[in-house]
N, C-alpha and C. Protein backbone atom coordinates (compact mmCIF):
# COMPACT_ATOMS: atom_id res chain seq x y z
N MET A 1 141.59 95.81 -10.11
CA MET A 1 142.56 95.69 -8.96
C MET A 1 143.93 95.05 -9.09
N ASP A 2 144.59 95.21 -10.41
CA ASP A 2 145.59 94.63 -10.71
C ASP A 2 146.82 94.80 -9.56
N TRP A 3 147.04 95.64 -8.71
CA TRP A 3 147.80 95.92 -7.94
C TRP A 3 147.66 94.83 -6.64
N ILE A 4 146.40 94.35 -6.46
CA ILE A 4 145.95 93.56 -5.24
C ILE A 4 146.58 92.29 -5.66
N ASN A 5 146.45 91.84 -7.03
CA ASN A 5 147.00 90.87 -7.60
C ASN A 5 148.20 90.68 -7.54
N PHE A 6 148.87 91.33 -8.11
CA PHE A 6 150.34 91.67 -7.84
C PHE A 6 150.81 91.62 -6.29
N LEU A 7 150.07 92.25 -5.51
CA LEU A 7 150.59 92.05 -3.89
C LEU A 7 150.31 90.76 -3.43
N GLU A 8 149.23 90.22 -3.79
CA GLU A 8 148.87 88.88 -3.23
C GLU A 8 150.06 87.64 -3.73
N GLU A 9 150.62 87.98 -5.18
CA GLU A 9 151.28 86.99 -5.51
C GLU A 9 152.73 87.17 -4.99
N HIS A 10 153.10 88.48 -4.84
CA HIS A 10 154.19 88.57 -4.14
C HIS A 10 154.36 88.20 -2.72
N THR A 11 153.30 88.34 -1.84
CA THR A 11 153.36 88.11 -0.58
C THR A 11 153.23 86.57 -0.46
N GLU A 12 152.72 86.05 -1.28
CA GLU A 12 152.45 84.40 -1.54
C GLU A 12 154.29 83.82 -1.45
N LEU A 13 154.58 84.49 -2.35
CA LEU A 13 156.11 84.22 -3.12
C LEU A 13 157.09 84.42 -1.41
N LEU A 14 156.88 85.63 -1.00
CA LEU A 14 157.80 86.22 -0.07
C LEU A 14 157.43 85.09 1.43
N ILE A 15 156.34 84.73 1.52
CA ILE A 15 155.76 83.78 2.45
C ILE A 15 156.34 82.16 2.34
N SER A 16 156.09 81.71 1.18
CA SER A 16 156.77 80.54 0.54
C SER A 16 158.16 80.53 0.65
N ASN A 17 158.89 81.56 0.41
CA ASN A 17 160.22 81.78 0.55
C ASN A 17 160.82 81.72 1.98
N LEU A 18 160.07 82.11 2.88
CA LEU A 18 160.42 81.96 4.51
C LEU A 18 160.32 80.44 4.83
N GLY A 19 159.88 79.61 3.99
CA GLY A 19 159.70 78.35 4.33
C GLY A 19 158.33 78.00 5.14
N VAL A 20 157.36 78.64 4.97
CA VAL A 20 155.89 78.01 5.28
C VAL A 20 155.36 77.21 4.54
N SER A 21 154.76 76.03 5.21
CA SER A 21 154.34 74.92 4.17
C SER A 21 153.15 75.43 3.34
N GLU A 22 153.05 74.67 2.37
CA GLU A 22 152.00 75.43 1.09
C GLU A 22 150.61 75.57 1.72
N HIS A 23 150.01 74.57 2.61
CA HIS A 23 148.98 74.66 3.36
C HIS A 23 148.49 76.02 4.09
N TRP A 24 149.78 76.56 4.76
CA TRP A 24 149.61 77.76 5.57
C TRP A 24 149.68 78.94 5.05
N VAL A 25 150.44 78.99 3.64
CA VAL A 25 150.55 79.97 2.92
C VAL A 25 149.25 81.08 2.74
N VAL A 26 148.13 80.51 2.31
CA VAL A 26 147.11 81.29 2.04
C VAL A 26 146.64 81.93 3.50
N TYR A 27 146.47 81.54 4.48
CA TYR A 27 146.42 82.00 5.73
C TYR A 27 147.09 83.17 6.04
N PHE A 28 148.70 82.66 5.98
CA PHE A 28 149.64 83.99 6.23
C PHE A 28 149.48 85.24 5.37
N ARG A 29 149.24 84.73 4.23
CA ARG A 29 148.94 85.96 3.06
C ARG A 29 147.68 86.92 3.50
N LEU A 30 146.58 86.08 4.00
CA LEU A 30 145.61 86.77 4.67
C LEU A 30 145.79 87.70 5.82
N LEU A 31 146.22 87.05 6.44
CA LEU A 31 146.89 87.70 7.75
C LEU A 31 147.62 88.96 7.26
N VAL A 32 148.76 88.96 6.38
CA VAL A 32 149.37 90.12 5.80
C VAL A 32 148.56 91.16 5.06
N LEU A 33 147.76 90.55 4.40
CA LEU A 33 146.80 91.67 3.77
C LEU A 33 145.72 92.26 4.63
N ILE A 34 145.20 91.69 5.56
CA ILE A 34 144.49 92.17 6.62
C ILE A 34 145.15 93.45 7.46
N ILE A 35 146.40 92.82 7.88
CA ILE A 35 147.19 94.02 8.75
C ILE A 35 147.42 95.08 7.67
N LEU A 36 147.86 95.02 6.24
CA LEU A 36 148.02 96.04 5.33
C LEU A 36 146.81 96.96 5.54
N LEU A 37 145.63 96.29 5.16
CA LEU A 37 144.47 97.01 5.10
C LEU A 37 144.05 97.71 6.23
N ILE A 38 144.49 97.17 7.51
CA ILE A 38 144.33 98.01 8.64
C ILE A 38 145.04 99.12 8.54
N ILE A 39 146.52 99.13 7.98
CA ILE A 39 147.32 100.20 8.10
C ILE A 39 146.67 101.33 7.26
N LEU A 40 146.17 100.78 5.96
CA LEU A 40 145.91 101.88 4.92
C LEU A 40 144.56 102.29 5.29
N SER A 41 143.76 101.66 6.30
CA SER A 41 142.38 102.21 6.73
C SER A 41 142.73 103.28 7.57
N SER A 42 143.75 102.84 8.51
CA SER A 42 143.68 103.94 9.42
C SER A 42 144.46 105.56 9.07
N LEU A 43 145.37 105.00 8.04
CA LEU A 43 145.99 106.33 7.15
C LEU A 43 145.08 107.08 6.51
N ALA A 44 144.11 106.13 5.99
CA ALA A 44 142.96 107.37 5.35
C ALA A 44 142.02 107.55 6.54
N PHE A 45 142.03 107.47 7.59
CA PHE A 45 141.08 108.04 8.35
C PHE A 45 141.66 109.29 8.96
N LEU A 46 143.29 109.19 9.26
CA LEU A 46 143.89 110.30 9.72
C LEU A 46 143.94 111.35 8.54
N ILE A 47 144.14 110.98 7.52
CA ILE A 47 143.83 112.09 6.25
C ILE A 47 142.98 112.75 6.31
N ALA A 48 141.80 111.98 6.33
CA ALA A 48 140.57 112.51 6.12
C ALA A 48 139.90 113.52 7.40
N LYS A 49 140.54 112.93 8.80
CA LYS A 49 140.36 113.70 9.68
C LYS A 49 141.37 114.95 9.79
N ARG A 50 142.49 115.00 9.58
CA ARG A 50 143.52 115.86 9.74
C ARG A 50 143.52 116.82 8.64
N VAL A 51 143.11 116.34 7.34
CA VAL A 51 143.11 117.41 6.03
C VAL A 51 141.95 117.59 5.80
N PHE A 52 141.39 116.79 5.33
CA PHE A 52 139.90 117.21 4.75
C PHE A 52 138.97 117.92 5.65
N ILE A 53 138.77 117.15 6.90
CA ILE A 53 137.60 117.75 7.69
C ILE A 53 138.23 118.91 8.36
N TYR A 54 139.65 119.09 8.22
CA TYR A 54 140.34 120.32 8.92
C TYR A 54 139.90 121.56 8.21
N TYR A 55 140.42 121.36 6.99
CA TYR A 55 140.20 122.25 6.01
C TYR A 55 138.58 122.38 5.61
N LEU A 56 137.70 121.58 5.88
CA LEU A 56 136.19 121.92 5.76
C LEU A 56 135.97 122.79 6.47
N TYR A 57 136.54 122.62 7.70
CA TYR A 57 136.20 123.70 8.92
C TYR A 57 136.70 124.90 8.72
N LYS A 58 137.91 125.05 8.04
CA LYS A 58 138.55 126.41 7.56
C LYS A 58 137.79 127.23 6.58
N VAL A 59 137.22 126.45 5.62
CA VAL A 59 136.45 127.03 4.77
C VAL A 59 135.15 127.55 5.38
N PHE A 60 134.60 127.01 6.25
CA PHE A 60 133.06 127.22 6.91
C PHE A 60 133.52 128.43 7.68
N LYS A 61 134.65 128.46 8.65
CA LYS A 61 134.86 129.74 9.39
C LYS A 61 135.14 131.05 8.36
N LYS A 62 135.83 130.89 7.38
CA LYS A 62 136.20 131.93 6.47
C LYS A 62 135.06 132.33 5.46
N SER A 63 134.13 131.77 5.64
CA SER A 63 132.86 132.25 4.38
C SER A 63 132.20 133.21 5.25
N SER A 64 131.51 133.97 4.34
CA SER A 64 130.71 135.13 4.60
C SER A 64 129.20 134.76 5.43
N PHE A 65 128.99 133.51 4.96
CA PHE A 65 127.89 133.12 5.84
C PHE A 65 127.90 132.90 7.16
N THR A 66 126.90 133.00 8.20
CA THR A 66 127.15 132.79 9.60
C THR A 66 126.54 131.25 9.98
N TRP A 67 125.62 130.94 9.12
CA TRP A 67 125.06 129.34 9.61
C TRP A 67 126.04 128.65 9.78
N ASP A 68 126.92 128.52 8.72
CA ASP A 68 127.89 127.53 8.49
C ASP A 68 128.94 127.60 9.40
N ASP A 69 129.22 128.57 10.45
CA ASP A 69 130.13 128.36 11.42
C ASP A 69 129.51 127.69 12.59
N LEU A 70 128.61 127.54 12.76
CA LEU A 70 127.94 126.53 13.63
C LEU A 70 128.27 125.26 13.54
N PHE A 71 128.46 124.86 12.24
CA PHE A 71 128.80 123.51 11.83
C PHE A 71 130.37 123.35 12.51
N ALA A 72 131.17 124.49 12.09
CA ALA A 72 132.63 124.27 12.66
C ALA A 72 132.68 124.22 14.24
N ASP A 73 131.88 125.16 14.81
CA ASP A 73 131.81 125.31 16.07
C ASP A 73 131.87 123.91 17.00
N THR A 74 130.84 123.19 16.13
CA THR A 74 130.22 122.24 17.05
C THR A 74 130.91 120.60 16.47
N ARG A 75 131.82 121.12 15.34
CA ARG A 75 132.44 119.94 14.84
C ARG A 75 131.68 118.72 14.36
N ALA A 76 130.40 119.25 13.83
CA ALA A 76 129.43 118.43 13.14
C ALA A 76 129.88 117.43 12.23
N PHE A 77 130.93 117.71 11.52
CA PHE A 77 131.38 116.92 10.36
C PHE A 77 132.44 115.84 10.74
N ASN A 78 132.85 115.74 12.05
CA ASN A 78 134.05 115.08 12.48
C ASN A 78 133.77 113.64 12.08
N LYS A 79 132.78 113.19 12.35
CA LYS A 79 132.32 111.68 12.17
C LYS A 79 132.35 111.23 10.34
N LEU A 80 132.41 112.17 9.71
CA LEU A 80 132.59 112.11 8.32
C LEU A 80 134.01 111.23 7.92
N ALA A 81 135.00 111.52 8.68
CA ALA A 81 136.46 110.88 8.53
C ALA A 81 136.26 109.32 8.71
N HIS A 82 135.01 109.05 9.39
CA HIS A 82 135.10 107.51 9.41
C HIS A 82 134.69 106.49 7.81
N ILE A 83 134.26 107.60 7.21
CA ILE A 83 133.66 107.10 5.97
C ILE A 83 134.76 106.39 4.94
N ALA A 84 135.90 107.28 5.20
CA ALA A 84 137.13 106.96 4.35
C ALA A 84 137.47 105.42 4.51
N PRO A 85 137.92 105.05 5.59
CA PRO A 85 138.30 103.64 5.80
C PRO A 85 137.40 102.84 5.71
N ALA A 86 136.35 102.87 5.97
CA ALA A 86 135.05 102.01 5.90
C ALA A 86 134.87 101.69 4.29
N VAL A 87 134.81 102.94 3.32
CA VAL A 87 134.96 102.55 1.92
C VAL A 87 136.13 101.91 1.13
N ILE A 88 137.28 101.94 1.99
CA ILE A 88 138.71 101.33 1.56
C ILE A 88 138.39 99.84 1.89
N VAL A 89 137.71 99.41 2.86
CA VAL A 89 137.58 98.30 3.39
C VAL A 89 136.75 97.70 2.44
N ARG A 90 135.31 98.28 2.20
CA ARG A 90 134.51 97.84 1.26
C ARG A 90 135.13 97.29 0.07
N LEU A 91 135.89 98.31 -0.51
CA LEU A 91 136.29 98.32 -1.82
C LEU A 91 137.40 96.98 -2.12
N MET A 92 138.18 97.04 -1.12
CA MET A 92 139.22 95.98 -1.02
C MET A 92 139.01 94.48 -0.46
N ALA A 93 137.74 94.73 0.19
CA ALA A 93 137.40 93.06 0.65
C ALA A 93 137.18 92.01 -0.15
N PRO A 94 136.59 92.20 -1.30
CA PRO A 94 136.31 90.99 -2.24
C PRO A 94 137.53 90.50 -2.71
N ALA A 95 138.92 91.39 -2.79
CA ALA A 95 140.19 90.95 -3.27
C ALA A 95 140.68 90.17 -2.45
N ILE A 96 140.91 90.60 -1.05
CA ILE A 96 141.39 90.18 0.29
C ILE A 96 141.00 88.90 0.42
N PHE A 97 139.70 88.81 0.35
CA PHE A 97 138.88 87.55 1.02
C PHE A 97 138.47 86.55 -0.44
N SER A 98 139.14 86.53 -1.29
CA SER A 98 138.63 86.01 -2.52
C SER A 98 138.91 84.32 -2.05
N ASP A 99 139.77 84.12 -1.45
CA ASP A 99 140.11 82.71 -1.10
C ASP A 99 139.26 82.17 0.01
N PHE A 100 138.60 83.26 0.86
CA PHE A 100 137.75 82.69 1.93
C PHE A 100 136.29 83.17 1.67
N GLU A 101 135.58 82.74 0.77
CA GLU A 101 134.23 83.67 0.46
C GLU A 101 133.22 83.35 1.50
N GLN A 102 133.55 82.64 2.27
CA GLN A 102 132.50 82.22 3.34
C GLN A 102 132.59 83.53 4.41
N ILE A 103 133.75 83.88 4.16
CA ILE A 103 134.10 85.43 5.21
C ILE A 103 133.66 86.52 4.60
N LEU A 104 133.38 86.66 3.35
CA LEU A 104 133.43 87.87 2.62
C LEU A 104 132.01 88.38 2.74
N PRO A 105 130.79 87.59 2.93
CA PRO A 105 129.57 88.13 3.17
C PRO A 105 129.50 89.07 4.33
N PHE A 106 130.10 88.42 5.33
CA PHE A 106 130.07 89.01 6.75
C PHE A 106 130.63 90.20 6.77
N VAL A 107 132.06 90.42 6.08
CA VAL A 107 132.62 91.42 6.17
C VAL A 107 131.64 92.62 5.35
N ILE A 108 131.49 92.24 4.22
CA ILE A 108 130.65 93.32 3.51
C ILE A 108 129.43 93.84 4.22
N ARG A 109 128.64 92.98 5.02
CA ARG A 109 127.38 93.46 5.67
C ARG A 109 128.13 94.23 6.92
N LEU A 110 129.14 93.88 7.27
CA LEU A 110 129.33 94.53 8.68
C LEU A 110 129.89 95.90 8.37
N THR A 111 130.76 95.97 7.16
CA THR A 111 131.12 97.08 6.64
C THR A 111 130.15 98.33 5.98
N ASP A 112 129.10 97.77 5.33
CA ASP A 112 127.70 98.48 5.06
C ASP A 112 126.95 98.99 6.27
N ALA A 113 127.00 98.30 7.23
CA ALA A 113 126.38 98.57 8.38
C ALA A 113 126.94 99.87 9.20
N TYR A 114 128.11 99.61 9.37
CA TYR A 114 129.09 100.60 9.66
C TYR A 114 129.20 101.89 8.91
N LEU A 115 128.92 101.89 7.64
CA LEU A 115 128.62 102.98 6.85
C LEU A 115 127.40 103.67 6.93
N ILE A 116 126.47 102.93 7.36
CA ILE A 116 125.05 103.11 7.58
C ILE A 116 124.80 103.90 9.06
N ILE A 117 125.84 103.51 10.05
CA ILE A 117 125.66 103.93 11.46
C ILE A 117 126.72 105.28 11.41
N VAL A 118 127.53 105.37 10.57
CA VAL A 118 128.41 106.72 10.52
C VAL A 118 127.54 107.59 9.74
N SER A 119 126.88 107.42 8.63
CA SER A 119 126.08 108.35 8.05
C SER A 119 125.03 108.97 8.98
N MET A 120 124.48 107.95 9.87
CA MET A 120 123.08 108.56 10.78
C MET A 120 123.91 109.24 11.87
N ALA A 121 124.81 109.09 12.16
CA ALA A 121 125.81 109.91 12.97
C ALA A 121 125.72 110.96 12.55
N VAL A 122 126.51 111.24 11.34
CA VAL A 122 126.62 112.97 10.66
C VAL A 122 125.48 113.36 10.64
N PHE A 123 124.16 112.39 10.33
CA PHE A 123 122.73 113.36 10.01
C PHE A 123 122.52 113.56 11.24
N PHE A 124 122.64 113.14 12.62
CA PHE A 124 122.15 113.50 13.66
C PHE A 124 123.12 115.05 14.26
N SER A 125 124.15 114.91 13.84
CA SER A 125 124.81 116.04 14.26
C SER A 125 124.40 117.43 13.34
N ILE A 126 124.01 116.92 12.32
CA ILE A 126 123.08 117.81 11.50
C ILE A 126 122.08 118.32 12.15
N LEU A 127 121.44 117.45 12.51
CA LEU A 127 120.14 117.50 13.18
C LEU A 127 120.27 118.35 14.35
N LYS A 128 121.35 118.15 15.22
CA LYS A 128 121.63 119.25 16.35
C LYS A 128 121.95 120.61 16.27
N VAL A 129 122.59 120.63 14.96
CA VAL A 129 122.80 121.88 14.40
C VAL A 129 121.65 122.90 14.23
N GLY A 130 120.82 121.85 13.76
CA GLY A 130 119.44 122.71 13.03
C GLY A 130 118.65 122.93 14.47
N GLU A 131 118.52 121.93 15.03
CA GLU A 131 117.96 122.11 16.66
C GLU A 131 118.39 123.33 17.46
N TYR A 132 119.63 123.64 17.44
CA TYR A 132 120.41 124.72 17.95
C TYR A 132 119.88 125.99 17.50
N THR A 133 120.03 125.99 16.13
CA THR A 133 119.95 127.25 15.27
C THR A 133 118.44 127.47 15.53
N LEU A 134 117.49 126.58 15.66
CA LEU A 134 116.20 127.10 15.45
C LEU A 134 115.67 127.55 16.94
N SER A 135 116.32 126.98 17.91
CA SER A 135 116.11 127.33 19.39
C SER A 135 116.65 128.83 19.44
N GLN A 136 117.45 129.20 18.97
CA GLN A 136 117.93 130.74 18.82
C GLN A 136 116.86 131.72 18.54
N LEU A 137 116.04 131.22 17.67
CA LEU A 137 115.04 132.24 16.87
C LEU A 137 113.88 132.32 18.21
N PRO A 138 113.44 133.75 17.90
CA PRO A 138 112.39 134.22 18.90
C PRO A 138 111.08 133.44 18.79
N VAL A 139 110.84 132.93 17.33
CA VAL A 139 109.56 132.25 17.29
C VAL A 139 109.43 131.04 17.74
N PHE A 140 110.65 130.48 18.22
CA PHE A 140 110.62 129.20 18.72
C PHE A 140 111.07 129.08 20.00
N LYS A 141 111.15 130.34 20.91
CA LYS A 141 111.71 130.48 22.37
C LYS A 141 110.93 129.21 23.16
N ASP A 142 109.54 129.59 22.89
CA ASP A 142 108.37 129.00 23.96
C ASP A 142 108.19 127.46 23.63
N LYS A 143 108.84 126.70 22.28
CA LYS A 143 108.32 125.58 21.66
C LYS A 143 108.87 124.60 22.24
N PRO A 144 108.45 123.46 22.38
CA PRO A 144 109.28 122.21 22.55
C PRO A 144 110.16 121.53 21.74
N LEU A 145 111.28 122.20 20.77
CA LEU A 145 111.99 121.63 19.90
C LEU A 145 112.84 120.45 20.13
N THR A 146 113.39 120.46 21.41
CA THR A 146 114.05 119.52 21.67
C THR A 146 113.09 118.21 21.91
N SER A 147 112.25 118.04 21.97
CA SER A 147 111.23 116.97 22.18
C SER A 147 110.98 116.49 20.50
N TYR A 148 110.82 117.49 19.65
CA TYR A 148 110.45 117.26 18.22
C TYR A 148 111.72 116.57 17.63
N PHE A 149 112.87 117.22 17.99
CA PHE A 149 113.80 116.76 17.50
C PHE A 149 114.47 115.32 17.86
N GLN A 150 114.09 114.98 18.95
CA GLN A 150 114.27 113.70 19.73
C GLN A 150 113.28 112.77 19.11
N LEU A 151 111.87 113.07 18.77
CA LEU A 151 111.16 112.13 17.96
C LEU A 151 111.89 112.02 16.54
N ILE A 152 112.30 113.03 15.95
CA ILE A 152 112.85 112.63 14.59
C ILE A 152 113.93 111.68 14.87
N ARG A 153 114.82 111.96 16.03
CA ARG A 153 116.14 110.77 15.81
C ARG A 153 115.63 109.44 16.38
N ILE A 154 114.49 109.12 17.16
CA ILE A 154 113.89 107.87 17.17
C ILE A 154 113.48 107.52 15.98
N LEU A 155 112.75 108.06 15.43
CA LEU A 155 112.12 107.56 14.02
C LEU A 155 113.29 107.13 13.03
N LEU A 156 114.37 108.16 13.07
CA LEU A 156 115.54 107.83 12.16
C LEU A 156 116.29 106.50 12.42
N TYR A 157 116.26 106.21 14.05
CA TYR A 157 116.93 104.84 14.64
C TYR A 157 116.34 103.85 14.13
N VAL A 158 114.97 103.89 14.18
CA VAL A 158 113.95 102.79 13.83
C VAL A 158 114.22 102.49 12.15
N VAL A 159 114.17 103.50 11.61
CA VAL A 159 114.26 103.26 9.86
C VAL A 159 115.31 102.75 9.64
N THR A 160 116.74 103.53 10.27
CA THR A 160 118.07 103.09 9.91
C THR A 160 117.91 101.56 10.29
N TYR A 161 117.58 101.01 11.54
CA TYR A 161 118.05 100.00 11.77
C TYR A 161 116.99 98.67 10.75
N HIS A 162 115.95 99.18 10.51
CA HIS A 162 114.96 98.36 9.47
C HIS A 162 115.66 98.33 8.33
N PHE A 163 116.16 99.01 7.82
CA PHE A 163 116.86 99.12 6.25
C PHE A 163 118.13 98.64 6.40
N SER A 164 119.02 98.42 7.52
CA SER A 164 120.33 98.33 7.55
C SER A 164 120.58 96.83 7.41
N ALA A 165 121.71 96.43 7.51
CA ALA A 165 122.44 94.99 7.36
C ALA A 165 121.91 94.15 8.43
N PHE A 166 121.80 94.80 9.71
CA PHE A 166 121.40 93.74 10.90
C PHE A 166 120.07 93.67 11.09
N GLY A 167 119.23 94.66 10.52
CA GLY A 167 117.84 94.59 10.73
C GLY A 167 117.15 93.51 9.64
N ASN A 168 117.96 93.20 8.74
CA ASN A 168 117.23 92.15 7.81
C ASN A 168 117.95 90.72 7.90
N ILE A 169 118.88 90.69 9.21
CA ILE A 169 119.21 89.27 9.46
C ILE A 169 118.06 88.21 9.83
N ARG A 170 117.83 87.26 9.29
CA ARG A 170 116.79 86.35 9.35
C ARG A 170 117.55 85.16 10.06
């Protein structure tokens, strides 16, 4: 990530030229890079939501399959847009927090937990579509599908918590 190093150096130079004392330059640089990361992550989210997810649903609606229309109708993949900013934070955090190594593990753990939660939410949306689809079939009309799917969701919550970053905190 040479461009991050380039950005760090130029940001430090700019902050130094503004008359900030040498001791505070590192903190102001961190602040500037975090603000830049927030802007970049927000932009990635908007692009993913407005472009990628939008065209994914368009493809679903235009396809000859009818089962994928339900994904578009229920907007099951809307949560996928949250993955883009989380991946950007996860990739850029080591470079941004290079001078603050005590904070880096927390940022990485928080980002990993967020990715797990978003992935779980996407999977739950897919389960909801599956539940709705099965409930429309005559063979499952008198079956307690909602209870079965609720049990699956509870089990997934427990497994996700156990294997997530927060479940392993000691």
